[in-house]
PDB file of all heavy atoms in Angstrom:
ATOM      1  N   ALA A   1     -79.215  41.471  60.109  1.00  0.00           N
ATOM      2  CA  ALA A   1     -78.278  41.569  58.988  1.00  0.00           C
ATOM      3  C   ALA A   1     -77.331  42.744  59.172  1.00  0.00           C
ATOM      4  O   ALA A   1     -77.695  43.806  59.668  1.00  0.00           O
ATOM      5  CB  ALA A   1     -79.055  41.721  57.682  1.00  0.00           C
ATOM      6  N   GLY A   2     -76.094  42.556  58.748  1.00  0.00           N
ATOM      7  CA  GLY A   2     -75.094  43.614  58.863  1.00  0.00           C
ATOM      8  C   GLY A   2     -75.019  44.475  57.622  1.00  0.00           C
ATOM      9  O   GLY A   2     -75.950  44.541  56.826  1.00  0.00           O
ATOM     10  N   GLY A   3     -73.886  45.153  57.434  1.00  0.00           N
ATOM     11  CA  GLY A   3     -73.694  46.041  56.293  1.00  0.00           C
ATOM     12  C   GLY A   3     -73.164  45.294  55.098  1.00  0.00           C
ATOM     13  O   GLY A   3     -73.295  44.082  54.978  1.00  0.00           O
ATOM     14  N   ALA A   4     -72.519  46.039  54.173  1.00  0.00           N
ATOM     15  CA  ALA A   4     -71.997  45.458  52.949  1.00  0.00           C
ATOM     16  C   ALA A   4     -70.913  44.433  53.263  1.00  0.00           C
ATOM     17  O   ALA A   4     -70.234  44.510  54.282  1.00  0.00           O
ATOM     18  CB  ALA A   4     -71.446  46.559  52.040  1.00  0.00           C
ATOM     19  N   GLY A   5     -70.769  43.480  52.356  1.00  0.00           N
ATOM     20  CA  GLY A   5     -69.807  42.402  52.577  1.00  0.00           C
ATOM     21  C   GLY A   5     -68.419  42.747  52.092  1.00  0.00           C
ATOM     22  O   GLY A   5     -67.767  43.640  52.617  1.00  0.00           O
ATOM     23  N   SER A   6     -67.956  42.067  51.030  1.00  0.00           N
ATOM     24  CA  SER A   6     -66.585  42.268  50.566  1.00  0.00           C
ATOM     25  C   SER A   6     -66.438  43.569  49.790  1.00  0.00           C
ATOM     26  O   SER A   6     -67.415  44.194  49.418  1.00  0.00           O
ATOM     27  CB  SER A   6     -66.183  41.100  49.656  1.00  0.00           C
ATOM     28  OG  SER A   6     -66.891  41.177  48.430  1.00  0.00           O
ATOM     29  N   SER A   7     -65.195  43.941  49.527  1.00  0.00           N
ATOM     30  CA  SER A   7     -64.926  45.154  48.754  1.00  0.00           C
ATOM     31  C   SER A   7     -65.192  44.939  47.280  1.00  0.00           C
ATOM     32  O   SER A   7     -65.287  45.887  46.510  1.00  0.00           O
ATOM     33  CB  SER A   7     -63.459  45.575  48.949  1.00  0.00           C
ATOM     34  OG  SER A   7     -62.593  44.547  48.489  1.00  0.00           O
ATOM     35  N   LEU A   8     -65.315  43.686  46.867  1.00  0.00           N
ATOM     36  CA  LEU A   8     -65.522  43.392  45.443  1.00  0.00           C
ATOM     37  C   LEU A   8     -66.969  43.603  45.033  1.00  0.00           C
ATOM     38  O   LEU A   8     -67.255  44.127  43.976  1.00  0.00           O
ATOM     39  CB  LEU A   8     -65.119  41.936  45.146  1.00  0.00           C
ATOM     40  CG  LEU A   8     -63.635  41.616  45.308  1.00  0.00           C
ATOM     41  CD1 LEU A   8     -63.435  40.108  45.233  1.00  0.00           C
ATOM     42  CD2 LEU A   8     -62.829  42.314  44.218  1.00  0.00           C
ATOM     43  N   GLY A   9     -67.903  43.168  45.859  1.00  0.00           N
ATOM     44  CA  GLY A   9     -69.315  43.263  45.525  1.00  0.00           C
ATOM     45  C   GLY A   9     -69.949  44.504  46.113  1.00  0.00           C
ATOM     46  O   GLY A   9     -69.312  45.303  46.778  1.00  0.00           O
ATOM     47  N   ARG A  10     -71.239  44.657  45.833  1.00  0.00           N
ATOM     48  CA  ARG A  10     -71.971  45.809  46.336  1.00  0.00           C
ATOM     49  C   ARG A  10     -72.978  45.406  47.401  1.00  0.00           C
ATOM     50  O   ARG A  10     -73.647  46.256  47.953  1.00  0.00           O
ATOM     51  CB  ARG A  10     -72.714  46.508  45.180  1.00  0.00           C
ATOM     52  CG  ARG A  10     -71.802  46.967  44.046  1.00  0.00           C
ATOM     53  CD  ARG A  10     -70.801  47.998  44.496  1.00  0.00           C
ATOM     54  NE  ARG A  10     -71.445  49.238  44.864  1.00  0.00           N
ATOM     55  CZ  ARG A  10     -70.841  50.212  45.530  1.00  0.00           C
ATOM     56  NH1 ARG A  10     -69.607  50.038  45.959  1.00  0.00           N
ATOM     57  NH2 ARG A  10     -71.474  51.326  45.800  1.00  0.00           N
ATOM     58  N   GLY A  11     -73.100  44.119  47.664  1.00  0.00           N
ATOM     59  CA  GLY A  11     -74.141  43.678  48.584  1.00  0.00           C
ATOM     60  C   GLY A  11     -73.598  43.286  49.935  1.00  0.00           C
ATOM     61  O   GLY A  11     -72.436  43.419  50.242  1.00  0.00           O
ATOM     62  N   GLY A  12     -74.455  42.779  50.766  1.00  0.00           N
ATOM     63  CA  GLY A  12     -74.131  42.270  52.082  1.00  0.00           C
ATOM     64  C   GLY A  12     -75.316  41.439  52.504  1.00  0.00           C
ATOM     65  O   GLY A  12     -76.213  41.184  51.701  1.00  0.00           O
ATOM     66  N   MET A  13     -75.361  41.002  53.744  1.00  0.00           N
ATOM     67  CA  MET A  13     -76.481  40.172  54.176  1.00  0.00           C
ATOM     68  C   MET A  13     -77.805  40.932  54.104  1.00  0.00           C
ATOM     69  O   MET A  13     -78.846  40.349  53.805  1.00  0.00           O
ATOM     70  CB  MET A  13     -76.219  39.657  55.591  1.00  0.00           C
ATOM     71  CG  MET A  13     -77.182  38.558  56.024  1.00  0.00           C
ATOM     72  SD  MET A  13     -77.226  37.113  54.904  1.00  0.00           S
ATOM     73  CE  MET A  13     -75.600  36.406  55.188  1.00  0.00           C
ATOM     74  N   ILE A  14     -77.774  42.233  54.328  1.00  0.00           N
ATOM     75  CA  ILE A  14     -79.024  43.000  54.292  1.00  0.00           C
ATOM     76  C   ILE A  14     -79.652  42.957  52.905  1.00  0.00           C
ATOM     77  O   ILE A  14     -80.872  42.867  52.756  1.00  0.00           O
ATOM     78  CB  ILE A  14     -78.793  44.474  54.743  1.00  0.00           C
ATOM     79  CG1 ILE A  14     -80.130  45.212  54.846  1.00  0.00           C
ATOM     80  CG2 ILE A  14     -77.843  45.206  53.813  1.00  0.00           C
ATOM     81  CD1 ILE A  14     -81.063  44.681  55.888  1.00  0.00           C
ATOM     82  N   THR A  15     -78.822  43.008  51.841  1.00  0.00           N
ATOM     83  CA  THR A  15     -79.396  42.952  50.492  1.00  0.00           C
ATOM     84  C   THR A  15     -80.021  41.585  50.229  1.00  0.00           C
ATOM     85  O   THR A  15     -80.995  41.477  49.472  1.00  0.00           O
ATOM     86  CB  THR A  15     -78.342  43.253  49.408  1.00  0.00           C
ATOM     87  OG1 THR A  15     -77.408  42.178  49.325  1.00  0.00           O
ATOM     88  CG2 THR A  15     -77.628  44.565  49.667  1.00  0.00           C
ATOM     89  N   LYS A  16     -79.489  40.550  50.854  1.00  0.00           N
ATOM     90  CA  LYS A  16     -80.037  39.204  50.674  1.00  0.00           C
ATOM     91  C   LYS A  16     -81.377  39.062  51.396  1.00  0.00           C
ATOM     92  O   LYS A  16     -82.301  38.417  50.892  1.00  0.00           O
ATOM     93  CB  LYS A  16     -79.027  38.166  51.161  1.00  0.00           C
ATOM     94  CG  LYS A  16     -77.773  38.147  50.285  1.00  0.00           C
ATOM     95  CD  LYS A  16     -76.616  37.445  50.947  1.00  0.00           C
ATOM     96  CE  LYS A  16     -75.404  37.451  50.032  1.00  0.00           C
ATOM     97  NZ  LYS A  16     -74.999  38.794  49.560  1.00  0.00           N
ATOM     98  N   ILE A  17     -81.476  39.674  52.574  1.00  0.00           N
ATOM     99  CA  ILE A  17     -82.745  39.648  53.315  1.00  0.00           C
ATOM    100  C   ILE A  17     -83.823  40.400  52.544  1.00  0.00           C
ATOM    101  O   ILE A  17     -84.967  39.940  52.427  1.00  0.00           O
ATOM    102  CB  ILE A  17     -82.554  40.286  54.714  1.00  0.00           C
ATOM    103  CG1 ILE A  17     -81.528  39.493  55.527  1.00  0.00           C
ATOM    104  CG2 ILE A  17     -83.879  40.371  55.443  1.00  0.00           C
ATOM    105  CD1 ILE A  17     -81.840  38.040  55.692  1.00  0.00           C
ATOM    106  N   LEU A  18     -83.455  41.549  51.989  1.00  0.00           N
ATOM    107  CA  LEU A  18     -84.420  42.340  51.218  1.00  0.00           C
ATOM    108  C   LEU A  18     -84.777  41.640  49.908  1.00  0.00           C
ATOM    109  O   LEU A  18     -85.914  41.717  49.441  1.00  0.00           O
ATOM    110  CB  LEU A  18     -83.861  43.734  50.946  1.00  0.00           C
ATOM    111  CG  LEU A  18     -83.639  44.602  52.199  1.00  0.00           C
ATOM    112  CD1 LEU A  18     -82.994  45.933  51.817  1.00  0.00           C
ATOM    113  CD2 LEU A  18     -84.970  44.848  52.924  1.00  0.00           C
ATOM    114  N   ALA A  19     -83.806  40.943  49.318  1.00  0.00           N
ATOM    115  CA  ALA A  19     -84.082  40.189  48.096  1.00  0.00           C
ATOM    116  C   ALA A  19     -85.070  39.061  48.379  1.00  0.00           C
ATOM    117  O   ALA A  19     -85.988  38.801  47.591  1.00  0.00           O
ATOM    118  CB  ALA A  19     -82.784  39.625  47.519  1.00  0.00           C
ATOM    119  N   ALA A  20     -84.887  38.378  49.509  1.00  0.00           N
ATOM    120  CA  ALA A  20     -85.812  37.304  49.887  1.00  0.00           C
ATOM    121  C   ALA A  20     -87.220  37.847  50.087  1.00  0.00           C
ATOM    122  O   ALA A  20     -88.210  37.212  49.690  1.00  0.00           O
ATOM    123  CB  ALA A  20     -85.323  36.626  51.164  1.00  0.00           C
ATOM    124  N   LYS A  21     -87.316  39.033  50.665  1.00  0.00           N
ATOM    125  CA  LYS A  21     -88.617  39.662  50.877  1.00  0.00           C
ATOM    126  C   LYS A  21     -89.276  39.974  49.539  1.00  0.00           C
ATOM    127  O   LYS A  21     -90.476  39.769  49.352  1.00  0.00           O
ATOM    128  CB  LYS A  21     -88.416  40.955  51.685  1.00  0.00           C
ATOM    129  CG  LYS A  21     -89.691  41.693  52.030  1.00  0.00           C
ATOM    130  CD  LYS A  21     -89.350  42.912  52.885  1.00  0.00           C
ATOM    131  CE  LYS A  21     -90.593  43.704  53.263  1.00  0.00           C
ATOM    132  NZ  LYS A  21     -90.241  44.892  54.085  1.00  0.00           N
ATOM    133  N   ARG A  22     -88.468  40.446  48.578  1.00  0.00           N
ATOM    134  CA  ARG A  22     -89.003  40.770  47.253  1.00  0.00           C
ATOM    135  C   ARG A  22     -89.425  39.491  46.520  1.00  0.00           C
ATOM    136  O   ARG A  22     -90.477  39.449  45.886  1.00  0.00           O
ATOM    137  CB  ARG A  22     -87.958  41.522  46.434  1.00  0.00           C
ATOM    138  CG  ARG A  22     -88.475  42.070  45.109  1.00  0.00           C
ATOM    139  CD  ARG A  22     -87.347  42.704  44.314  1.00  0.00           C
ATOM    140  NE  ARG A  22     -86.837  43.905  44.928  1.00  0.00           N
ATOM    141  CZ  ARG A  22     -87.271  45.128  44.652  1.00  0.00           C
ATOM    142  NH1 ARG A  22     -88.240  45.300  43.775  1.00  0.00           N
ATOM    143  NH2 ARG A  22     -86.734  46.173  45.243  1.00  0.00           N
ATOM    144  N   ALA A  23     -88.601  38.461  46.596  1.00  0.00           N
ATOM    145  CA  ALA A  23     -88.934  37.200  45.936  1.00  0.00           C
ATOM    146  C   ALA A  23     -90.212  36.598  46.501  1.00  0.00           C
ATOM    147  O   ALA A  23     -91.009  35.997  45.780  1.00  0.00           O
ATOM    148  CB  ALA A  23     -87.776  36.214  46.081  1.00  0.00           C
ATOM    149  N   ALA A  24     -90.411  36.780  47.799  1.00  0.00           N
ATOM    150  CA  ALA A  24     -91.609  36.240  48.448  1.00  0.00           C
ATOM    151  C   ALA A  24     -92.882  36.872  47.913  1.00  0.00           C
ATOM    152  O   ALA A  24     -93.960  36.279  47.984  1.00  0.00           O
ATOM    153  CB  ALA A  24     -91.521  36.443  49.960  1.00  0.00           C
ATOM    154  N   GLY A  25     -92.757  38.082  47.347  1.00  0.00           N
ATOM    155  CA  GLY A  25     -93.929  38.759  46.795  1.00  0.00           C
ATOM    156  C   GLY A  25     -94.583  37.974  45.673  1.00  0.00           C
ATOM    157  O   GLY A  25     -95.793  38.110  45.436  1.00  0.00           O
ATOM    158  N   SER A  26     -93.804  37.155  44.970  1.00  0.00           N
ATOM    159  CA  SER A  26     -94.388  36.325  43.914  1.00  0.00           C
ATOM    160  C   SER A  26     -94.445  34.857  44.325  1.00  0.00           C
ATOM    161  O   SER A  26     -94.647  33.973  43.495  1.00  0.00           O
ATOM    162  CB  SER A  26     -93.573  36.470  42.613  1.00  0.00           C
ATOM    163  OG  SER A  26     -92.234  36.066  42.801  1.00  0.00           O
ATOM    164  N   GLY A  27     -94.256  34.605  45.615  1.00  0.00           N
ATOM    165  CA  GLY A  27     -94.425  33.250  46.135  1.00  0.00           C
ATOM    166  C   GLY A  27     -93.187  32.389  46.166  1.00  0.00           C
ATOM    167  O   GLY A  27     -93.276  31.184  46.419  1.00  0.00           O
ATOM    168  N   ALA A  28     -91.994  32.971  45.939  1.00  0.00           N
ATOM    169  CA  ALA A  28     -90.752  32.185  45.942  1.00  0.00           C
ATOM    170  C   ALA A  28     -90.084  32.239  47.314  1.00  0.00           C
ATOM    171  O   ALA A  28     -89.845  33.325  47.847  1.00  0.00           O
ATOM    172  CB  ALA A  28     -89.789  32.702  44.876  1.00  0.00           C
TER     173      ALA A  28
END
């Protein structure tokens, strides 16, 4: 995963990977 995406948002692909890891903690 790279760094932050657009100038409008605060996320990037890395935040999505970490979000998936967090969601997996409850089985999603």
